[in-house]
PDB file of N, CA and C in Angstrom:
ATOM      1  N   UNK A   1       0.686 -30.403 -18.987  1.00  0.00           N
ATOM      2  CA  UNK A   1      -0.488 -30.186 -18.692  1.00  0.00           C
ATOM      3  C   UNK A   1      -0.987 -31.117 -19.967  1.00  0.00           C
ATOM      4  N   UNK A   2      -0.897 -32.177 -20.109  1.00  0.00           N
ATOM      5  CA  UNK A   2      -1.456 -33.717 -20.752  1.00  0.00           C
ATOM      6  C   UNK A   2      -3.071 -33.193 -20.998  1.00  0.00           C
ATOM      7  N   UNK A   3      -3.883 -32.819 -20.427  1.00  0.00           N
ATOM      8  CA  UNK A   3      -5.049 -33.213 -20.408  1.00  0.00           C
ATOM      9  C   UNK A   3      -5.813 -31.391 -21.085  1.00  0.00           C
ATOM     10  N   UNK A   4      -5.247 -31.004 -21.177  1.00  0.00           N
ATOM     11  CA  UNK A   4      -5.448 -29.648 -22.079  1.00  0.00           C
ATOM     12  C   UNK A   4      -5.034 -29.266 -23.081  1.00  0.00           C
ATOM     13  N   UNK A   5      -6.018 -28.659 -23.658  1.00  0.00           N
ATOM     14  CA  UNK A   5      -6.210 -28.706 -25.234  1.00  0.00           C
ATOM     15  C   UNK A   5      -4.785 -27.099 -25.484  1.00  0.00           C
ATOM     16  N   UNK A   6      -4.485 -27.582 -26.771  1.00  0.00           N
ATOM     17  CA  UNK A   6      -3.613 -26.358 -27.103  1.00  0.00           C
ATOM     18  C   UNK A   6      -3.610 -25.460 -26.548  1.00  0.00           C
ATOM     19  N   UNK A   7      -4.631 -24.826 -27.205  1.00  0.00           N
ATOM     20  CA  UNK A   7      -5.010 -23.082 -27.116  1.00  0.00           C
ATOM     21  C   UNK A   7      -4.947 -22.727 -25.711  1.00  0.00           C
ATOM     22  N   UNK A   8      -5.522 -23.666 -24.752  1.00  0.00           N
ATOM     23  CA  UNK A   8      -5.323 -23.313 -22.666  1.00  0.00           C
ATOM     24  C   UNK A   8      -3.574 -23.527 -22.811  1.00  0.00           C
ATOM     25  N   UNK A   9      -2.672 -24.304 -23.250  1.00  0.00           N
ATOM     26  CA  UNK A   9      -1.440 -24.224 -23.285  1.00  0.00           C
ATOM     27  C   UNK A   9      -0.840 -23.166 -23.368  1.00  0.00           C
ATOM     28  N   UNK A  10      -1.149 -22.718 -25.275  1.00  0.00           N
ATOM     29  CA  UNK A  10      -0.275 -21.382 -24.861  1.00  0.00           C
ATOM     30  C   UNK A  10      -1.373 -20.274 -24.717  1.00  0.00           C
ATOM     31  N   UNK A  11      -2.331 -20.571 -24.242  1.00  0.00           N
ATOM     32  CA  UNK A  11      -2.930 -19.131 -23.284  1.00  0.00           C
ATOM     33  C   UNK A  11      -2.271 -19.029 -21.699  1.00  0.00           C
ATOM     34  N   UNK A  12      -1.442 -20.654 -21.001  1.00  0.00           N
ATOM     35  CA  UNK A  12      -1.024 -20.160 -19.725  1.00  0.00           C
ATOM     36  C   UNK A  12       0.351 -19.849 -20.026  1.00  0.00           C
ATOM     37  N   UNK A  13       0.978 -19.775 -21.064  1.00  0.00           N
ATOM     38  CA  UNK A  13       1.987 -19.744 -21.289  1.00  0.00           C
ATOM     39  C   UNK A  13       2.599 -18.749 -21.925  1.00  0.00           C
ATOM     40  N   UNK A  14       1.630 -18.018 -22.163  1.00  0.00           N
ATOM     41  CA  UNK A  14       1.624 -16.474 -22.223  1.00  0.00           C
ATOM     42  C   UNK A  14       1.610 -15.804 -21.347  1.00  0.00           C
ATOM     43  N   UNK A  15       0.295 -15.765 -20.132  1.00  0.00           N
ATOM     44  CA  UNK A  15       0.172 -15.159 -19.225  1.00  0.00           C
ATOM     45  C   UNK A  15       1.499 -15.785 -18.277  1.00  0.00           C
ATOM     46  N   UNK A  16       2.189 -16.633 -18.004  1.00  0.00           N
ATOM     47  CA  UNK A  16       2.990 -16.726 -17.237  1.00  0.00           C
ATOM     48  C   UNK A  16       4.736 -15.916 -18.017  1.00  0.00           C
ATOM     49  N   UNK A  17       4.588 -15.828 -19.207  1.00  0.00           N
ATOM     50  CA  UNK A  17       6.049 -14.949 -19.886  1.00  0.00           C
ATOM     51  C   UNK A  17       5.469 -13.549 -19.554  1.00  0.00           C
ATOM     52  N   UNK A  18       3.989 -13.038 -19.587  1.00  0.00           N
ATOM     53  CA  UNK A  18       3.941 -11.615 -19.400  1.00  0.00           C
ATOM     54  C   UNK A  18       3.997 -11.471 -17.752  1.00  0.00           C
ATOM     55  N   UNK A  19       3.829 -12.071 -17.375  1.00  0.00           N
ATOM     56  CA  UNK A  19       3.772 -11.691 -15.434  1.00  0.00           C
ATOM     57  C   UNK A  19       5.365 -11.610 -15.341  1.00  0.00           C
ATOM     58  N   UNK A  20       5.873 -12.218 -15.856  1.00  0.00           N
ATOM     59  CA  UNK A  20       7.559 -12.412 -15.191  1.00  0.00           C
ATOM     60  C   UNK A  20       8.075 -11.133 -15.821  1.00  0.00           C
ATOM     61  N   UNK A  21       8.142 -10.703 -16.954  1.00  0.00           N
ATOM     62  CA  UNK A  21       8.562  -9.442 -17.743  1.00  0.00           C
ATOM     63  C   UNK A  21       7.753  -8.308 -16.656  1.00  0.00           C
ATOM     64  N   UNK A  22       7.150  -8.790 -16.205  1.00  0.00           N
ATOM     65  CA  UNK A  22       6.302  -7.444 -15.839  1.00  0.00           C
ATOM     66  C   UNK A  22       7.129  -7.557 -14.267  1.00  0.00           C
ATOM     67  N   UNK A  23       7.068  -8.743 -13.816  1.00  0.00           N
ATOM     68  CA  UNK A  23       7.809  -8.503 -12.693  1.00  0.00           C
ATOM     69  C   UNK A  23       9.312  -7.853 -12.453  1.00  0.00           C
ATOM     70  N   UNK A  24      10.122  -8.087 -13.506  1.00  0.00           N
ATOM     71  CA  UNK A  24      11.222  -7.917 -14.202  1.00  0.00           C
ATOM     72  C   UNK A  24      11.649  -6.708 -14.228  1.00  0.00           C
ATOM     73  N   UNK A  25      10.472  -6.044 -14.442  1.00  0.00           N
ATOM     74  CA  UNK A  25       9.719  -4.316 -14.612  1.00  0.00           C
ATOM     75  C   UNK A  25       9.794  -3.732 -13.574  1.00  0.00           C
ATOM     76  N   UNK A  26       9.564  -4.906 -12.796  1.00  0.00           N
ATOM     77  CA  UNK A  26       9.806  -3.803 -11.412  1.00  0.00           C
ATOM     78  C   UNK A  26       7.887  -3.397 -10.823  1.00  0.00           C
ATOM     79  N   UNK A  27       6.833  -4.538 -11.783  1.00  0.00           N
ATOM     80  CA  UNK A  27       5.445  -4.050 -11.304  1.00  0.00           C
ATOM     81  C   UNK A  27       5.254  -5.035 -10.618  1.00  0.00           C
ATOM     82  N   UNK A  28       4.028  -4.734  -9.667  1.00  0.00           N
ATOM     83  CA  UNK A  28       3.784  -5.716  -8.877  1.00  0.00           C
ATOM     84  C   UNK A  28       3.085  -6.611  -9.619  1.00  0.00           C
ATOM     85  N   UNK A  29       3.442  -7.787  -8.872  1.00  0.00           N
ATOM     86  CA  UNK A  29       2.291  -9.692  -9.855  1.00  0.00           C
ATOM     87  C   UNK A  29       2.555 -10.148  -8.748  1.00  0.00           C
ATOM     88  N   UNK A  30       1.189 -10.649  -8.501  1.00  0.00           N
ATOM     89  CA  UNK A  30       0.477 -11.625  -7.526  1.00  0.00           C
ATOM     90  C   UNK A  30       0.036 -12.789  -8.274  1.00  0.00           C
ATOM     91  N   UNK A  31       1.301 -13.913  -8.323  1.00  0.00           N
ATOM     92  CA  UNK A  31       1.139 -15.338  -8.985  1.00  0.00           C
ATOM     93  C   UNK A  31      -0.200 -15.781  -8.155  1.00  0.00           C
ATOM     94  N   UNK A  32       0.219 -15.714  -6.899  1.00  0.00           N
ATOM     95  CA  UNK A  32      -0.782 -16.256  -6.495  1.00  0.00           C
ATOM     96  C   UNK A  32      -2.719 -16.318  -6.653  1.00  0.00           C
ATOM     97  N   UNK A  33      -2.893 -15.082  -6.879  1.00  0.00           N
ATOM     98  CA  UNK A  33      -3.878 -14.571  -7.228  1.00  0.00           C
ATOM     99  C   UNK A  33      -4.374 -14.924  -8.358  1.00  0.00           C
ATOM    100  N   UNK A  34      -3.266 -15.502  -9.285  1.00  0.00           N
ATOM    101  CA  UNK A  34      -3.437 -15.681 -10.505  1.00  0.00           C
ATOM    102  C   UNK A  34      -3.682 -17.209 -10.701  1.00  0.00           C
ATOM    103  N   UNK A  35      -2.976 -18.093 -10.043  1.00  0.00           N
ATOM    104  CA  UNK A  35      -2.862 -19.538 -10.381  1.00  0.00           C
ATOM    105  C   UNK A  35      -4.161 -19.824  -9.084  1.00  0.00           C
ATOM    106  N   UNK A  36      -4.543 -19.286  -8.470  1.00  0.00           N
ATOM    107  CA  UNK A  36      -5.928 -19.605  -7.455  1.00  0.00           C
ATOM    108  C   UNK A  36      -6.764 -20.668  -7.820  1.00  0.00           C
ATOM    109  N   UNK A  37      -7.202 -20.405  -8.752  1.00  0.00           N
ATOM    110  CA  UNK A  37      -8.264 -21.692  -9.433  1.00  0.00           C
ATOM    111  C   UNK A  37      -8.106 -22.464 -10.326  1.00  0.00           C
ATOM    112  N   UNK A  38      -6.758 -22.364 -10.029  1.00  0.00           N
ATOM    113  CA  UNK A  38      -5.848 -24.044 -11.237  1.00  0.00           C
ATOM    114  C   UNK A  38      -5.970 -24.922 -10.473  1.00  0.00           C
ATOM    115  N   UNK A  39      -6.368 -26.156 -11.587  1.00  0.00           N
ATOM    116  CA  UNK A  39      -5.650 -27.285 -10.489  1.00  0.00           C
ATOM    117  C   UNK A  39      -4.775 -27.476 -10.662  1.00  0.00           C
ATOM    118  N   UNK A  40      -4.094 -28.622  -9.497  1.00  0.00           N
ATOM    119  CA  UNK A  40      -2.594 -28.976  -9.172  1.00  0.00           C
ATOM    120  C   UNK A  40      -1.292 -28.850 -10.378  1.00  0.00           C
ATOM    121  N   UNK A  41      -2.055 -29.720 -11.386  1.00  0.00           N
ATOM    122  CA  UNK A  41      -1.156 -30.110 -12.469  1.00  0.00           C
ATOM    123  C   UNK A  41      -0.850 -28.474 -13.506  1.00  0.00           C
ATOM    124  N   UNK A  42      -2.113 -27.794 -13.788  1.00  0.00           N
ATOM    125  CA  UNK A  42      -1.753 -26.695 -14.050  1.00  0.00           C
ATOM    126  C   UNK A  42      -1.438 -25.629 -12.851  1.00  0.00           C
ATOM    127  N   UNK A  43      -1.214 -25.789 -11.251  1.00  0.00           N
ATOM    128  CA  UNK A  43      -0.345 -24.632 -11.393  1.00  0.00           C
ATOM    129  C   UNK A  43       1.256 -25.070 -11.145  1.00  0.00           C
ATOM    130  N   UNK A  44       1.646 -26.318 -11.177  1.00  0.00           N
ATOM    131  CA  UNK A  44       2.849 -26.554 -11.255  1.00  0.00           C
ATOM    132  C   UNK A  44       3.376 -26.250 -12.291  1.00  0.00           C
ATOM    133  N   UNK A  45       2.832 -26.885 -13.731  1.00  0.00           N
ATOM    134  CA  UNK A  45       3.173 -26.512 -15.142  1.00  0.00           C
ATOM    135  C   UNK A  45       2.803 -24.545 -15.150  1.00  0.00           C
ATOM    136  N   UNK A  46       2.049 -24.300 -14.591  1.00  0.00           N
ATOM    137  CA  UNK A  46       2.489 -22.525 -14.929  1.00  0.00           C
ATOM    138  C   UNK A  46       3.785 -21.917 -13.755  1.00  0.00           C
ATOM    139  N   UNK A  47       3.758 -22.604 -12.729  1.00  0.00           N
ATOM    140  CA  UNK A  47       4.936 -21.975 -11.735  1.00  0.00           C
ATOM    141  C   UNK A  47       6.352 -22.183 -12.404  1.00  0.00           C
ATOM    142  N   UNK A  48       5.974 -23.823 -12.919  1.00  0.00           N
ATOM    143  CA  UNK A  48       7.765 -23.686 -13.769  1.00  0.00           C
ATOM    144  C   UNK A  48       7.854 -22.650 -15.353  1.00  0.00           C
ATOM    145  N   UNK A  49       7.165 -22.668 -15.669  1.00  0.00           N
ATOM    146  CA  UNK A  49       6.786 -21.562 -16.652  1.00  0.00           C
ATOM    147  C   UNK A  49       7.141 -20.394 -16.386  1.00  0.00           C
ATOM    148  N   UNK A  50       6.572 -19.558 -15.571  1.00  0.00           N
ATOM    149  CA  UNK A  50       6.819 -18.314 -15.127  1.00  0.00           C
ATOM    150  C   UNK A  50       8.154 -18.614 -14.395  1.00  0.00           C
ATOM    151  N   UNK A  51       8.755 -19.356 -13.507  1.00  0.00           N
ATOM    152  CA  UNK A  51       9.868 -19.497 -13.077  1.00  0.00           C
ATOM    153  C   UNK A  51      10.892 -19.415 -14.201  1.00  0.00           C
ATOM    154  N   UNK A  52      11.040 -19.962 -15.315  1.00  0.00           N
ATOM    155  CA  UNK A  52      11.378 -20.178 -16.400  1.00  0.00           C
ATOM    156  C   UNK A  52      11.483 -19.006 -17.320  1.00  0.00           C
ATOM    157  N   UNK A  53      10.276 -18.301 -17.258  1.00  0.00           N
ATOM    158  CA  UNK A  53      10.373 -16.991 -18.074  1.00  0.00           C
ATOM    159  C   UNK A  53      11.130 -15.634 -17.359  1.00  0.00           C
ATOM    160  N   UNK A  54      10.998 -15.668 -15.910  1.00  0.00           N
ATOM    161  CA  UNK A  54      11.281 -14.799 -14.744  1.00  0.00           C
ATOM    162  C   UNK A  54      13.123 -14.525 -14.686  1.00  0.00           C
ATOM    163  N   UNK A  55      13.496 -16.329 -14.677  1.00  0.00           N
ATOM    164  CA  UNK A  55      14.600 -16.394 -15.131  1.00  0.00           C
ATOM    165  C   UNK A  55      15.527 -15.421 -16.072  1.00  0.00           C
ATOM    166  N   UNK A  56      14.618 -15.777 -17.445  1.00  0.00           N
ATOM    167  CA  UNK A  56      15.081 -15.081 -18.881  1.00  0.00           C
ATOM    168  C   UNK A  56      14.823 -13.560 -18.542  1.00  0.00           C
ATOM    169  N   UNK A  57      13.761 -12.680 -18.077  1.00  0.00           N
ATOM    170  CA  UNK A  57      13.801 -11.572 -18.181  1.00  0.00           C
ATOM    171  C   UNK A  57      14.715 -11.029 -17.550  1.00  0.00           C
ATOM    172  N   UNK A  58      15.181 -11.920 -16.019  1.00  0.00           N
ATOM    173  CA  UNK A  58      16.126 -10.904 -14.945  1.00  0.00           C
ATOM    174  C   UNK A  58      17.646 -11.032 -15.652  1.00  0.00           C
ATOM    175  N   UNK A  59      17.871 -12.212 -16.545  1.00  0.00           N
ATOM    176  CA  UNK A  59      18.968 -12.227 -17.557  1.00  0.00           C
ATOM    177  C   UNK A  59      18.945 -11.240 -18.288  1.00  0.00           C
ATOM    178  N   UNK A  60      18.041 -11.005 -19.151  1.00  0.00           N
ATOM    179  CA  UNK A  60      18.064  -9.881 -20.099  1.00  0.00           C
ATOM    180  C   UNK A  60      17.895  -8.328 -19.321  1.00  0.00           C
ATOM    181  N   UNK A  61      17.484  -8.249 -18.337  1.00  0.00           N
ATOM    182  CA  UNK A  61      17.811  -6.934 -17.790  1.00  0.00           C
ATOM    183  C   UNK A  61      19.534  -6.571 -17.524  1.00  0.00           C
ATOM    184  N   UNK A  62      19.718  -8.075 -16.893  1.00  0.00           N
ATOM    185  CA  UNK A  62      20.894  -7.251 -15.908  1.00  0.00           C
ATOM    186  C   UNK A  62      21.704  -7.189 -17.362  1.00  0.00           C
ATOM    187  N   UNK A  63      22.022  -7.962 -18.137  1.00  0.00           N
ATOM    188  CA  UNK A  63      22.615  -7.956 -19.363  1.00  0.00           C
ATOM    189  C   UNK A  63      22.445  -6.891 -20.343  1.00  0.00           C
ATOM    190  N   UNK A  64      21.438  -6.230 -20.302  1.00  0.00           N
ATOM    191  CA  UNK A  64      20.790  -4.770 -21.242  1.00  0.00           C
ATOM    192  C   UNK A  64      21.764  -3.693 -20.168  1.00  0.00           C
ATOM    193  N   UNK A  65      21.791  -4.198 -18.715  1.00  0.00           N
ATOM    194  CA  UNK A  65      22.534  -2.923 -17.990  1.00  0.00           C
ATOM    195  C   UNK A  65      23.894  -3.013 -17.864  1.00  0.00           C
ATOM    196  N   UNK A  66      24.171  -3.818 -18.532  1.00  0.00           N
ATOM    197  CA  UNK A  66      25.998  -4.279 -18.411  1.00  0.00           C
ATOM    198  C   UNK A  66      26.442  -3.398 -20.100  1.00  0.00           C
ATOM    199  N   UNK A  67      24.918  -3.117 -20.681  1.00  0.00           N
ATOM    200  CA  UNK A  67      25.998  -2.724 -22.063  1.00  0.00           C
ATOM    201  C   UNK A  67      26.023  -1.039 -22.204  1.00  0.00           C
TER     202      UNK A  67
END
């Protein structure tokens, strides 16, 4: 998101991380509703971050179950 300011990037990253954690905890998450008003660059960036955080959250959840 080269055209976005640093605060916007931080906000989107925080949102992606929180939603991924919520989803991994079994809470309903509607990512499409969140990204609906974003431009294509923002949507792609958000989806990439969300998917990355979702993988991390899922790994943490599974690892925590093994302990």
